[in-house]
């Protein structure tokens, strides 16, 4: 496998991922997943971090609806333009108009232009002083001022080792923010500010910095640039601090494109939902649903995830959360929503490994025919693990086909050993709800009908005596006795007993699945280490080969409804 084009980072992540123009978030995830399978965080931490930063840069831009042409613009942002070259030339060369005669007499070779970058390297202090006194500056000049401020502006305490406040580089950030005020859509400045806010701001300065940024950047760009700071604030501070601060910052912003705030709310809700009041979360979801027309497909998926998470957290019982396997699932979801980087990936892998090794705990957390609806938790786990597999590469190697085929045959054989008892029990249920009522009712009906027939025939013979009377009476007796089975099987049983018989069969099948089949199926999917659909399809194929399809369809119908089994099988993909 060839090495990635590292030289494109950090300014041109689209070329680094080899993405065509017009790519979407699915294309980005596929390209990202391909690279991180080669550069895993535990074996290549530095390379993984560079790939992750490039992915976050593009993913952030896609969510906020940035024009993809900006990717190339950001890559070329710091190349000196022709105007800059002309400006540098005019500033570096003296005015020779008044000395034209002398120039004609002794022509000299023109002095090559000096770029602002070369000037800053040669005379940093003079360059900083000159550029800081200008009233209008190019994006490149703002960048030069920001870099020179790090070199020339000394910290107040003059200490040799920088503390957290110095690492923040406030003057560096301030020059970039000033540049964005003058050039609001400059991709190079946007990329630099985003990178600075993503990693160079100490926790204790976030609350004071955010209002300052809101006053400098009063457009929806504020949401995109400050999103990482808000996520950190929600993790480290009480929700009330976030709520008051976001209200203060939004008071400084102008109304603009709603997509920026929608994308911001969708991402922040994933973090805030764990500590925010239920009423606040519900209000935000109603607002987002009311503006669904402004959401693209990926944002609709994000909204669905948050709605499912809100539904689950609102309805789950504390007793259910106390179960170890369910607690591990909630810990996984919380880390997925609030964590970032290799440490969060390692914690999610640990949670999935714990789930994958606790078959009994998962069965206990998802009892069959329980009252609580766990479809929200199931869908959340499926969505989160799918995204995790795409964006981290945490997935086990391809399974051994031959071994898994043997496991399917072994599981089929063990399940089939219970078939004889199941058939006997089902036959008894049919007898109980179909044939025993028929025999009892037929006996009562036969006695009553015979008595009535005898009385009727006696009266008829006394009134009308004929040789044909005996024949007619026999025909009436036969018709009366045959009419009951027809009435029973065509009307009485389907209307009053068939549903009860089916409910009894399903209840017995459910009991059979819980006590006889479920544990063996959990061991089967654990030994296969592949997706739920693949493992169950393999088992069905083995049943078809041995001509047991009809019986296996019954077992698989319970498997596909067993949310615990499906989650347990999905977790096996991340063990290896």
Protein backbone atom coordinates (compact mmCIF):
# COMPACT_ATOMS: atom_id res chain seq x y z
CA UNK A 1 0.00 0.00 0.00
CA UNK A 2 1.48 3.37 -1.06
CA UNK A 3 2.12 6.13 1.44
CA UNK A 4 -0.32 9.06 1.60
CA UNK A 5 0.57 12.42 0.06
CA UNK A 6 1.67 13.99 3.36
CA UNK A 7 2.97 17.11 1.58
CA UNK A 8 -0.64 18.28 1.06
CA UNK A 9 -1.14 18.73 4.81
CA UNK A 10 -2.27 20.83 6.51
CA UNK A 11 -3.40 23.27 3.80
CA UNK A 12 -4.92 20.91 1.22
CA UNK A 13 -6.71 17.99 2.97
CA UNK A 14 -8.94 17.32 -0.05
CA UNK A 15 -5.95 16.41 -2.18
CA UNK A 16 -4.48 14.45 0.71
CA UNK A 17 -7.56 12.21 0.82
CA UNK A 18 -7.64 12.11 -3.02
CA UNK A 19 -11.25 13.32 -3.11
CA UNK A 20 -12.90 14.56 -6.27
CA UNK A 21 -14.73 17.86 -6.40
CA UNK A 22 -18.30 17.50 -5.23
CA UNK A 23 -17.47 14.85 -2.61
CA UNK A 24 -19.84 14.33 0.32
CA UNK A 25 -19.36 13.17 3.90
CA UNK A 26 -19.75 9.51 2.94
CA UNK A 27 -16.89 9.81 0.43
CA UNK A 28 -14.78 11.50 3.08
CA UNK A 29 -15.50 8.77 5.65
CA UNK A 30 -14.55 6.04 3.19
CA UNK A 31 -11.27 7.73 2.32
CA UNK A 32 -10.55 8.40 5.98
CA UNK A 33 -11.34 4.82 6.99
CA UNK A 34 -9.00 3.48 4.31
CA UNK A 35 -6.09 5.50 5.69
CA UNK A 36 -6.63 4.80 9.36
CA UNK A 37 -6.70 1.08 8.71
CA UNK A 38 -3.11 1.58 7.57
CA UNK A 39 -2.14 4.07 10.29
CA UNK A 40 -3.84 2.91 13.49
CA UNK A 41 -3.56 5.10 16.61
CA UNK A 42 -1.86 2.44 18.73
CA UNK A 43 0.91 1.81 16.18
CA UNK A 44 1.22 5.17 14.36
CA UNK A 45 0.00 7.84 16.82
CA UNK A 46 1.57 10.84 15.05
CA UNK A 47 0.38 9.85 11.59
CA UNK A 48 -3.06 9.04 12.93
CA UNK A 49 -3.31 12.47 14.55
CA UNK A 50 -2.40 14.23 11.29
CA UNK A 51 -4.97 12.18 9.38
CA UNK A 52 -7.57 12.83 12.08
CA UNK A 53 -6.94 16.60 12.00
CA UNK A 54 -7.29 16.67 8.22
CA UNK A 55 -10.51 14.67 8.44
CA UNK A 56 -11.97 16.98 11.08
CA UNK A 57 -11.07 20.01 8.98
CA UNK A 58 -12.96 18.71 5.95
CA UNK A 59 -15.81 17.17 7.94
CA UNK A 60 -16.34 20.43 9.79
CA UNK A 61 -16.39 22.38 6.54
CA UNK A 62 -18.87 19.95 4.96
CA UNK A 63 -21.28 20.11 7.89
CA UNK A 64 -21.30 23.89 7.79
CA UNK A 65 -21.82 23.97 4.04
CA UNK A 66 -18.54 25.51 2.95
CA UNK A 67 -17.98 25.68 -0.78
CA UNK A 68 -15.54 22.89 -1.60
CA UNK A 69 -13.57 25.21 -3.83
CA UNK A 70 -12.27 26.77 -0.63
CA UNK A 71 -10.10 23.70 -0.03
CA UNK A 72 -7.85 24.69 -2.94
CA UNK A 73 -8.13 28.36 -1.98
CA UNK A 74 -6.88 27.54 1.50
CA UNK A 75 -3.95 25.66 0.01
CA UNK A 76 -2.99 28.70 -2.11
CA UNK A 77 -3.88 31.30 0.51
CA UNK A 78 -0.33 32.27 1.43
CA UNK A 79 1.13 32.43 -2.07
CA UNK A 80 2.05 36.08 -2.76
CA UNK A 81 -0.26 37.60 -5.32
CA UNK A 82 0.68 39.81 -8.18
CA UNK A 83 -0.66 42.82 -6.32
CA UNK A 84 1.51 41.98 -3.33
CA UNK A 85 4.55 41.63 -5.58
CA UNK A 86 3.86 44.97 -7.21
CA UNK A 87 3.33 46.56 -3.84
CA UNK A 88 6.57 45.09 -2.53
CA UNK A 89 8.38 46.26 -5.67
CA UNK A 90 7.10 49.82 -5.33
CA UNK A 91 8.07 49.92 -1.67
CA UNK A 92 11.52 48.42 -2.18
CA UNK A 93 12.56 50.46 -5.25
CA UNK A 94 13.23 54.25 -5.09
CA UNK A 95 11.40 56.71 -7.32
CA UNK A 96 13.68 57.30 -10.32
CA UNK A 97 11.40 59.71 -12.16
CA UNK A 98 13.38 62.78 -11.25
CA UNK A 99 16.63 61.08 -12.20
CA UNK A 100 15.53 59.76 -15.58
CA UNK A 101 18.46 61.41 -17.32
CA UNK A 102 20.90 59.75 -14.99
CA UNK A 103 19.18 56.44 -15.48
CA UNK A 104 19.43 56.81 -19.23
CA UNK A 105 23.10 57.62 -18.96
CA UNK A 106 23.90 54.57 -16.75
CA UNK A 107 21.17 51.96 -16.97
CA UNK A 108 20.98 49.55 -14.05
CA UNK A 109 19.46 46.12 -13.75
CA UNK A 110 16.10 46.43 -11.89
CA UNK A 111 16.08 45.23 -8.29
CA UNK A 112 14.03 42.03 -7.90
CA UNK A 113 10.91 42.44 -5.74
CA UNK A 114 11.10 41.42 -2.09
CA UNK A 115 8.11 39.44 -0.85
CA UNK A 116 6.58 40.27 2.55
CA UNK A 117 7.69 36.87 3.82
CA UNK A 118 11.33 37.45 2.84
CA UNK A 119 11.20 40.91 4.35
CA UNK A 120 9.79 39.52 7.62
CA UNK A 121 12.55 36.91 7.78
CA UNK A 122 15.28 39.45 7.08
CA UNK A 123 14.00 42.29 9.33
CA UNK A 124 11.32 40.92 11.63
CA UNK A 125 11.04 43.91 13.99
CA UNK A 126 10.98 46.53 11.26
CA UNK A 127 8.51 44.45 9.26
CA UNK A 128 6.24 44.03 12.28
CA UNK A 129 6.30 47.77 13.01
CA UNK A 130 5.60 48.71 9.40
CA UNK A 131 2.75 46.21 8.91
CA UNK A 132 1.11 46.98 12.24
CA UNK A 133 0.90 50.68 11.29
CA UNK A 134 -0.88 50.03 8.00
CA UNK A 135 -4.60 50.77 7.85
CA UNK A 136 -5.40 48.03 5.33
CA UNK A 137 -3.60 44.70 5.08
CA UNK A 138 -3.74 41.58 2.93
CA UNK A 139 -4.50 38.17 4.48
CA UNK A 140 -0.83 37.24 4.09
CA UNK A 141 0.21 40.34 6.00
CA UNK A 142 -2.14 39.49 8.86
CA UNK A 143 -0.59 36.04 8.99
CA UNK A 144 2.91 37.54 9.05
CA UNK A 145 1.88 39.85 11.91
CA UNK A 146 0.46 36.91 13.84
CA UNK A 147 3.66 34.89 13.44
CA UNK A 148 5.92 37.84 14.28
CA UNK A 149 3.87 38.62 17.37
CA UNK A 150 4.90 35.23 18.73
CA UNK A 151 8.55 36.12 18.18
CA UNK A 152 8.62 39.76 19.21
CA UNK A 153 5.87 40.33 21.78
CA UNK A 154 7.28 39.15 25.10
CA UNK A 155 5.05 37.68 27.85
CA UNK A 156 4.43 39.82 30.89
CA UNK A 157 6.25 37.58 33.36
CA UNK A 158 9.32 37.09 31.06
CA UNK A 159 9.59 33.48 32.20
CA UNK A 160 11.55 31.07 30.07
CA UNK A 161 8.96 28.29 30.14
CA UNK A 162 5.59 29.26 28.73
CA UNK A 163 2.58 28.61 30.91
CA UNK A 164 -0.90 27.79 29.65
CA UNK A 165 -1.74 31.46 29.11
CA UNK A 166 1.33 31.95 26.94
CA UNK A 167 0.58 28.83 24.94
CA UNK A 168 -2.74 30.44 24.09
CA UNK A 169 -0.86 33.16 22.12
CA UNK A 170 -3.54 35.87 22.48
CA UNK A 171 -1.79 38.35 20.18
CA UNK A 172 -1.38 35.68 17.51
CA UNK A 173 -5.11 34.93 17.59
CA UNK A 174 -6.05 38.61 17.77
CA UNK A 175 -4.20 39.42 14.53
CA UNK A 176 -5.98 36.52 12.80
CA UNK A 177 -9.36 37.72 14.09
CA UNK A 178 -8.58 41.24 12.89
CA UNK A 179 -7.77 39.73 9.52
CA UNK A 180 -11.13 37.97 9.39
CA UNK A 181 -12.89 41.23 10.18
CA UNK A 182 -11.30 42.79 7.10
CA UNK A 183 -11.48 39.61 4.96
CA UNK A 184 -14.51 37.69 6.29
CA UNK A 185 -14.41 34.81 3.79
CA UNK A 186 -10.67 34.33 3.51
CA UNK A 187 -10.14 30.52 3.62
CA UNK A 188 -6.54 30.71 4.78
CA UNK A 189 -7.38 32.87 7.80
CA UNK A 190 -10.42 30.71 8.57
CA UNK A 191 -8.25 27.59 8.54
CA UNK A 192 -5.66 29.19 10.84
CA UNK A 193 -8.22 30.45 13.34
CA UNK A 194 -9.96 27.07 13.38
CA UNK A 195 -6.68 25.27 14.02
CA UNK A 196 -5.73 27.69 16.79
CA UNK A 197 -9.07 27.38 18.57
CA UNK A 198 -9.02 23.61 18.23
CA UNK A 199 -5.88 23.09 20.26
CA UNK A 200 -4.21 26.23 21.67
CA UNK A 201 -6.79 27.59 24.15
CA UNK A 202 -6.43 26.70 27.88
CA UNK A 203 -9.61 25.55 29.63
CA UNK A 204 -9.62 28.47 32.07
CA UNK A 205 -9.68 31.06 29.24
CA UNK A 206 -12.55 29.66 27.18
CA UNK A 207 -15.26 31.62 29.02
CA UNK A 208 -13.51 34.96 28.51
CA UNK A 209 -12.41 34.25 24.95
CA UNK A 210 -15.75 33.24 23.45
CA UNK A 211 -17.51 36.61 23.92
CA UNK A 212 -14.46 38.37 22.42
CA UNK A 213 -14.63 36.17 19.34
CA UNK A 214 -18.38 36.80 19.05
CA UNK A 215 -17.74 40.54 18.98
CA UNK A 216 -15.03 40.14 16.32
CA UNK A 217 -16.79 37.57 14.11
CA UNK A 218 -20.45 38.50 14.10
CA UNK A 219 -21.54 36.12 11.37
CA UNK A 220 -22.54 32.44 11.44
CA UNK A 221 -18.85 31.66 10.92
CA UNK A 222 -18.60 32.08 14.70
CA UNK A 223 -20.36 28.74 15.24
CA UNK A 224 -18.05 26.84 12.95
CA UNK A 225 -14.83 28.24 14.42
CA UNK A 226 -15.77 27.98 18.10
CA UNK A 227 -17.50 24.59 18.09
CA UNK A 228 -14.55 22.76 19.75
CA UNK A 229 -14.49 25.33 22.57
CA UNK A 230 -18.19 24.86 23.30
CA UNK A 231 -17.77 21.09 23.43
CA UNK A 232 -14.93 21.42 25.94
CA UNK A 233 -16.96 23.89 27.98
CA UNK A 234 -19.90 21.48 28.19
CA UNK A 235 -17.62 18.69 29.41
CA UNK A 236 -15.77 20.76 32.02
CA UNK A 237 -18.44 23.18 33.29
CA UNK A 238 -22.04 22.94 34.54
CA UNK A 239 -24.68 23.26 31.85
CA UNK A 240 -25.87 26.57 33.30
CA UNK A 241 -22.51 28.14 32.40
CA UNK A 242 -22.90 27.04 28.79
CA UNK A 243 -26.49 28.24 28.60
CA UNK A 244 -25.68 31.72 29.87
CA UNK A 245 -22.57 32.09 27.72
CA UNK A 246 -24.19 31.00 24.47
CA UNK A 247 -27.00 33.46 25.09
CA UNK A 248 -24.46 36.26 25.63
CA UNK A 249 -22.46 35.39 22.51
CA UNK A 250 -25.50 35.10 20.26
CA UNK A 251 -26.60 38.58 21.31
CA UNK A 252 -23.55 39.92 19.42
CA UNK A 253 -24.18 37.94 16.22
CA UNK A 254 -26.04 39.15 13.16
CA UNK A 255 -28.82 37.12 11.56
CA UNK A 256 -27.53 35.25 8.55
CA UNK A 257 -27.52 31.84 6.89
CA UNK A 258 -29.38 29.51 9.31
CA UNK A 259 -27.36 26.45 8.23
CA UNK A 260 -24.41 27.46 10.40
CA UNK A 261 -26.46 27.52 13.59
CA UNK A 262 -28.30 24.32 12.65
CA UNK A 263 -25.05 22.42 12.12
CA UNK A 264 -23.72 23.84 15.39
CA UNK A 265 -26.83 22.85 17.36
CA UNK A 266 -26.82 19.32 15.97
CA UNK A 267 -23.22 18.73 17.03
CA UNK A 268 -23.49 20.50 20.40
CA UNK A 269 -26.68 18.62 21.30
CA UNK A 270 -24.73 15.36 21.23
CA UNK A 271 -22.57 16.67 24.06
CA UNK A 272 -25.13 18.79 25.91
CA UNK A 273 -27.85 16.13 26.03
CA UNK A 274 -26.04 14.26 28.81
CA UNK A 275 -26.21 17.17 31.25
CA UNK A 276 -28.90 19.51 29.89
CA UNK A 277 -32.45 19.59 31.30
CA UNK A 278 -34.90 17.49 29.31
CA UNK A 279 -37.05 20.56 28.55
CA UNK A 280 -34.09 22.40 26.99
CA UNK A 281 -33.19 19.43 24.80
CA UNK A 282 -36.82 19.01 23.71
CA UNK A 283 -37.03 22.69 22.81
CA UNK A 284 -33.88 22.50 20.67
CA UNK A 285 -35.12 19.39 18.89
CA UNK A 286 -38.44 21.04 18.09
CA UNK A 287 -36.58 24.02 16.64
CA UNK A 288 -34.42 21.76 14.48
CA UNK A 289 -37.41 19.74 13.31
CA UNK A 290 -39.19 22.94 12.35
CA UNK A 291 -36.26 23.84 10.07
CA UNK A 292 -35.84 20.37 8.58
CA UNK A 293 -36.12 21.79 5.07
CA UNK A 294 -32.69 23.43 5.55
CA UNK A 295 -31.00 20.13 6.50
CA UNK A 296 -29.15 17.89 4.05
CA UNK A 297 -29.12 14.09 4.21
CA UNK A 298 -26.19 13.88 6.61
CA UNK A 299 -27.73 16.44 8.92
CA UNK A 300 -31.03 14.51 8.86
CA UNK A 301 -29.08 11.45 10.02
CA UNK A 302 -27.51 13.51 12.81
CA UNK A 303 -30.94 14.76 13.85
CA UNK A 304 -32.32 11.22 13.89
CA UNK A 305 -29.45 10.11 16.13
CA UNK A 306 -30.02 12.93 18.62
CA UNK A 307 -33.78 12.29 18.67
CA UNK A 308 -33.21 8.61 19.38
CA UNK A 309 -30.73 9.46 22.13
CA UNK A 310 -33.17 11.90 23.71
CA UNK A 311 -35.94 9.29 23.54
CA UNK A 312 -33.74 6.67 25.18
CA UNK A 313 -32.39 8.89 27.95
CA UNK A 314 -35.89 10.18 28.72
CA UNK A 315 -37.48 6.73 28.97
CA UNK A 316 -34.76 4.51 30.42
CA UNK A 317 -35.10 3.36 34.01
CA UNK A 318 -32.30 3.65 36.56
CA UNK A 319 -32.63 -0.05 37.38
CA UNK A 320 -31.91 -0.94 33.75
CA UNK A 321 -28.87 1.36 33.63
CA UNK A 322 -27.44 -0.44 36.68
CA UNK A 323 -26.96 -3.64 34.67
CA UNK A 324 -23.26 -3.96 33.71
CA UNK A 325 -23.78 -4.65 29.99
CA UNK A 326 -26.28 -1.83 29.59
CA UNK A 327 -24.01 0.52 31.56
CA UNK A 328 -21.18 -0.36 29.16
CA UNK A 329 -23.40 0.52 26.20
CA UNK A 330 -24.34 3.86 27.73
CA UNK A 331 -20.66 4.56 28.48
CA UNK A 332 -19.83 3.76 24.85
CA UNK A 333 -22.53 6.12 23.56
CA UNK A 334 -21.48 8.90 25.92
CA UNK A 335 -17.84 8.62 24.85
CA UNK A 336 -18.91 8.50 21.21
CA UNK A 337 -20.88 11.73 21.65
CA UNK A 338 -18.48 13.68 23.87
CA UNK A 339 -15.00 12.23 23.32
CA UNK A 340 -12.43 12.87 20.64
CA UNK A 341 -9.03 11.56 19.67
CA UNK A 342 -7.14 8.33 20.42
CA UNK A 343 -8.10 8.30 24.10
CA UNK A 344 -11.82 8.36 23.26
CA UNK A 345 -11.30 5.70 20.60
CA UNK A 346 -9.52 3.48 23.11
CA UNK A 347 -12.34 3.93 25.64
CA UNK A 348 -14.99 3.03 23.05
CA UNK A 349 -12.98 -0.04 22.08
CA UNK A 350 -12.81 -1.03 25.76
CA UNK A 351 -16.59 -0.70 26.14
CA UNK A 352 -17.27 -2.79 23.04
CA UNK A 353 -14.79 -5.41 24.20
CA UNK A 354 -16.60 -5.58 27.56
CA UNK A 355 -19.94 -6.02 25.79
CA UNK A 356 -18.55 -8.66 23.44
CA UNK A 357 -17.28 -10.79 26.35
CA UNK A 358 -20.38 -10.58 28.55
CA UNK A 359 -22.96 -12.81 26.85
CA UNK A 360 -24.86 -13.44 30.08
CA UNK A 361 -24.95 -9.73 30.92
CA UNK A 362 -26.32 -8.82 27.49
CA UNK A 363 -29.02 -11.49 27.76
CA UNK A 364 -29.95 -10.16 31.19
CA UNK A 365 -30.10 -6.59 29.87
CA UNK A 366 -32.36 -7.56 26.96
CA UNK A 367 -34.84 -10.16 28.23
CA UNK A 368 -37.24 -11.60 25.68
CA UNK A 369 -40.79 -10.19 25.81
CA UNK A 370 -39.83 -7.39 28.17
CA UNK A 371 -42.08 -4.41 28.72
CA UNK A 372 -39.40 -1.79 28.05
CA UNK A 373 -38.89 -0.82 24.41
CA UNK A 374 -35.16 -0.96 23.64
CA UNK A 375 -35.34 -0.18 19.93
CA UNK A 376 -33.90 3.29 20.55
CA UNK A 377 -30.82 1.84 22.26
CA UNK A 378 -30.46 -0.79 19.54
CA UNK A 379 -30.58 1.78 16.73
CA UNK A 380 -28.15 4.05 18.59
CA UNK A 381 -25.65 1.23 18.97
CA UNK A 382 -25.97 0.26 15.31
CA UNK A 383 -25.50 3.84 14.10
CA UNK A 384 -22.60 4.59 16.46
CA UNK A 385 -20.69 1.37 15.77
CA UNK A 386 -21.12 1.80 12.00
CA UNK A 387 -19.70 5.30 12.21
CA UNK A 388 -16.92 4.13 14.52
CA UNK A 389 -15.89 1.43 12.04
CA UNK A 390 -15.76 3.99 9.22
CA UNK A 391 -13.89 6.70 11.11
CA UNK A 392 -11.43 4.76 13.28
CA UNK A 393 -10.74 1.47 11.53
CA UNK A 394 -11.49 -0.41 14.77
CA UNK A 395 -12.70 -3.61 13.18
CA UNK A 396 -11.48 -7.18 13.42
CA UNK A 397 -9.79 -8.90 10.47
CA UNK A 398 -11.88 -10.86 7.98
CA UNK A 399 -13.28 -14.06 9.55
CA UNK A 400 -12.14 -17.58 8.73
CA UNK A 401 -14.85 -18.83 6.36
CA UNK A 402 -14.12 -22.52 6.88
CA UNK A 403 -14.12 -22.20 10.66
CA UNK A 404 -17.36 -20.24 10.68
CA UNK A 405 -19.05 -22.80 8.43
CA UNK A 406 -18.13 -25.50 10.91
CA UNK A 407 -19.51 -23.36 13.73
CA UNK A 408 -22.79 -22.95 11.84
CA UNK A 409 -23.16 -26.71 11.35
CA UNK A 410 -22.33 -27.36 15.00
CA UNK A 411 -24.89 -24.79 16.15
CA UNK A 412 -27.51 -26.26 13.82
CA UNK A 413 -26.91 -29.72 15.22
CA UNK A 414 -27.25 -28.53 18.82
CA UNK A 415 -30.45 -26.65 18.06
CA UNK A 416 -31.89 -29.62 16.19
CA UNK A 417 -31.45 -31.85 19.24
CA UNK A 418 -34.29 -29.92 20.89
CA UNK A 419 -36.61 -30.30 17.90
CA UNK A 420 -38.30 -33.54 19.03
CA UNK A 421 -39.42 -32.04 22.34
CA UNK A 422 -40.61 -28.89 20.58
CA UNK A 423 -42.70 -30.90 18.09
CA UNK A 424 -44.31 -32.87 20.90
CA UNK A 425 -45.14 -29.73 22.82
CA UNK A 426 -46.62 -28.00 19.77
CA UNK A 427 -48.74 -31.09 19.06
CA UNK A 428 -50.04 -30.97 22.61
CA UNK A 429 -50.91 -27.27 22.21
CA UNK A 430 -52.88 -28.09 19.04
CA UNK A 431 -54.64 -30.88 20.87
CA UNK A 432 -55.45 -28.62 23.82
CA UNK A 433 -56.91 -25.76 21.78
CA UNK A 434 -58.33 -27.63 18.80
CA UNK A 435 -59.16 -31.30 19.29
CA UNK A 436 -60.08 -31.47 22.97
CA UNK A 437 -62.66 -28.64 22.64
CA UNK A 438 -63.95 -30.28 19.49
CA UNK A 439 -64.40 -33.66 21.21
CA UNK A 440 -66.06 -32.18 24.28
CA UNK A 441 -68.43 -29.91 22.36
CA UNK A 442 -69.21 -32.63 19.86
CA UNK A 443 -70.14 -35.00 22.68
CA UNK A 444 -72.48 -32.46 24.28
CA UNK A 445 -73.91 -31.51 20.91
CA UNK A 446 -74.43 -35.15 19.97
CA UNK A 447 -76.28 -35.96 23.19
CA UNK A 448 -78.53 -32.90 22.95
CA UNK A 449 -79.19 -33.41 19.25
CA UNK A 450 -79.99 -37.09 19.71
CA UNK A 451 -82.44 -36.36 22.51
CA UNK A 452 -84.17 -33.65 20.51
CA UNK A 453 -84.19 -35.85 17.42
CA UNK A 454 -85.75 -38.73 19.31
CA UNK A 455 -88.48 -36.52 20.78
CA UNK A 456 -89.21 -34.95 17.39
CA UNK A 457 -89.39 -38.27 15.62
CA UNK A 458 -91.73 -39.71 18.28
CA UNK A 459 -94.15 -36.83 17.83
CA UNK A 460 -94.00 -37.07 14.04
CA UNK A 461 -94.69 -40.82 14.07
CA UNK A 462 -97.77 -40.33 16.23
CA UNK A 463 -99.18 -37.65 13.93
CA UNK A 464 -98.08 -38.91 10.55
CA UNK A 465 -97.13 -42.49 10.02
CA UNK A 466 -95.53 -43.36 6.72
CA UNK A 467 -92.92 -45.78 5.40
CA UNK A 468 -90.86 -42.77 4.28
CA UNK A 469 -90.73 -41.30 7.79
CA UNK A 470 -87.99 -43.65 8.93
CA UNK A 471 -85.76 -42.79 5.98
CA UNK A 472 -86.21 -39.06 6.53
CA UNK A 473 -85.44 -39.36 10.22
CA UNK A 474 -82.17 -41.16 9.50
CA UNK A 475 -81.13 -38.49 6.99
CA UNK A 476 -81.91 -35.77 9.54
CA UNK A 477 -79.78 -37.56 12.14
CA UNK A 478 -76.80 -37.83 9.73
CA UNK A 479 -77.10 -34.19 8.59
CA UNK A 480 -77.29 -32.95 12.16
CA UNK A 481 -74.25 -34.89 13.29
CA UNK A 482 -72.19 -33.78 10.24
CA UNK A 483 -73.18 -30.13 10.52
CA UNK A 484 -71.34 -29.66 13.81
CA UNK A 485 -67.77 -30.40 12.50
CA UNK A 486 -68.39 -28.08 9.58
CA UNK A 487 -69.64 -25.35 11.90
CA UNK A 488 -66.77 -25.91 14.35
CA UNK A 489 -63.86 -25.82 11.88
CA UNK A 490 -65.26 -23.12 9.61
CA UNK A 491 -66.58 -20.70 12.20
CA UNK A 492 -66.20 -21.53 15.89
CA UNK A 493 -62.49 -22.48 15.98
CA UNK A 494 -61.18 -19.65 13.73
CA UNK A 495 -63.21 -17.06 15.64
CA UNK A 496 -62.73 -18.12 19.26
CA UNK A 497 -59.83 -20.56 19.60
CA UNK A 498 -57.32 -20.10 16.73
CA UNK A 499 -55.85 -16.87 18.12
CA UNK A 500 -55.49 -18.38 21.59
CA UNK A 501 -53.77 -21.43 20.14
CA UNK A 502 -51.34 -19.25 18.17
CA UNK A 503 -50.58 -17.10 21.23
CA UNK A 504 -49.90 -20.24 23.24
CA UNK A 505 -47.56 -21.56 20.53
CA UNK A 506 -45.68 -18.25 20.33
CA UNK A 507 -45.39 -18.11 24.10
CA UNK A 508 -43.96 -21.60 24.12
CA UNK A 509 -41.58 -20.78 21.24
CA UNK A 510 -40.46 -17.70 23.15
CA UNK A 511 -39.82 -19.81 26.23
CA UNK A 512 -37.96 -22.33 24.07
CA UNK A 513 -35.84 -19.57 22.55
CA UNK A 514 -34.99 -18.12 25.95
CA UNK A 515 -34.20 -21.38 27.72
CA UNK A 516 -32.95 -23.67 24.93
CA UNK A 517 -31.77 -21.73 21.89
CA UNK A 518 -30.65 -18.26 22.94
CA UNK A 519 -27.55 -19.21 24.90
CA UNK A 520 -26.32 -21.45 22.07
CA UNK A 521 -26.89 -18.69 19.51
CA UNK A 522 -24.93 -16.22 21.62
CA UNK A 523 -22.01 -18.66 21.70
CA UNK A 524 -22.33 -19.12 17.95
CA UNK A 525 -22.15 -15.42 17.03
CA UNK A 526 -19.31 -14.96 19.53
CA UNK A 527 -17.29 -17.69 17.84
CA UNK A 528 -17.95 -16.30 14.34
CA UNK A 529 -16.83 -12.72 14.95
CA UNK A 530 -18.77 -11.30 12.02
CA UNK A 531 -21.76 -9.03 11.49
CA UNK A 532 -25.20 -10.16 12.74
CA UNK A 533 -26.57 -10.46 9.21
CA UNK A 534 -23.59 -12.52 7.98
CA UNK A 535 -23.64 -14.95 10.91
CA UNK A 536 -27.40 -15.55 10.72
CA UNK A 537 -27.29 -15.88 6.93
CA UNK A 538 -24.54 -18.46 7.30
CA UNK A 539 -26.68 -20.41 9.80
CA UNK A 540 -29.67 -20.29 7.45
CA UNK A 541 -27.49 -21.57 4.62
CA UNK A 542 -26.40 -24.52 6.73
CA UNK A 543 -30.06 -25.28 7.51
CA UNK A 544 -30.98 -25.16 3.82
CA UNK A 545 -28.16 -27.55 3.01
CA UNK A 546 -29.50 -30.03 5.59
CA UNK A 547 -33.15 -29.49 4.54
CA UNK A 548 -34.12 -27.81 7.82
CA UNK A 549 -35.17 -24.44 6.39
CA UNK A 550 -38.76 -24.38 7.67
CA UNK A 551 -37.77 -25.11 11.25
CA UNK A 552 -34.77 -22.73 11.10
CA UNK A 553 -36.99 -19.90 9.84
CA UNK A 554 -38.81 -20.12 13.17
CA UNK A 555 -35.55 -19.80 15.11
CA UNK A 556 -34.28 -16.95 12.90
CA UNK A 557 -37.54 -15.04 13.34
CA UNK A 558 -36.69 -14.79 17.04
CA UNK A 559 -33.03 -14.03 16.30
CA UNK A 560 -33.90 -11.00 14.17
CA UNK A 561 -36.11 -9.69 16.98
CA UNK A 562 -33.52 -10.32 19.70
CA UNK A 563 -31.93 -6.88 20.07
CA UNK A 564 -29.43 -8.15 22.60
CA UNK A 565 -28.16 -10.83 20.22
CA UNK A 566 -27.80 -8.31 17.37
CA UNK A 567 -25.87 -5.83 19.53
CA UNK A 568 -23.72 -8.64 20.93
CA UNK A 569 -22.92 -9.86 17.41
CA UNK A 570 -22.05 -6.31 16.27
CA UNK A 571 -19.66 -5.92 19.20
CA UNK A 572 -17.74 -9.02 18.04
CA UNK A 573 -16.58 -7.03 15.00
CA UNK A 574 -14.41 -4.88 17.24
CA UNK A 575 -12.71 -7.71 19.15
CA UNK A 576 -9.42 -8.82 17.76
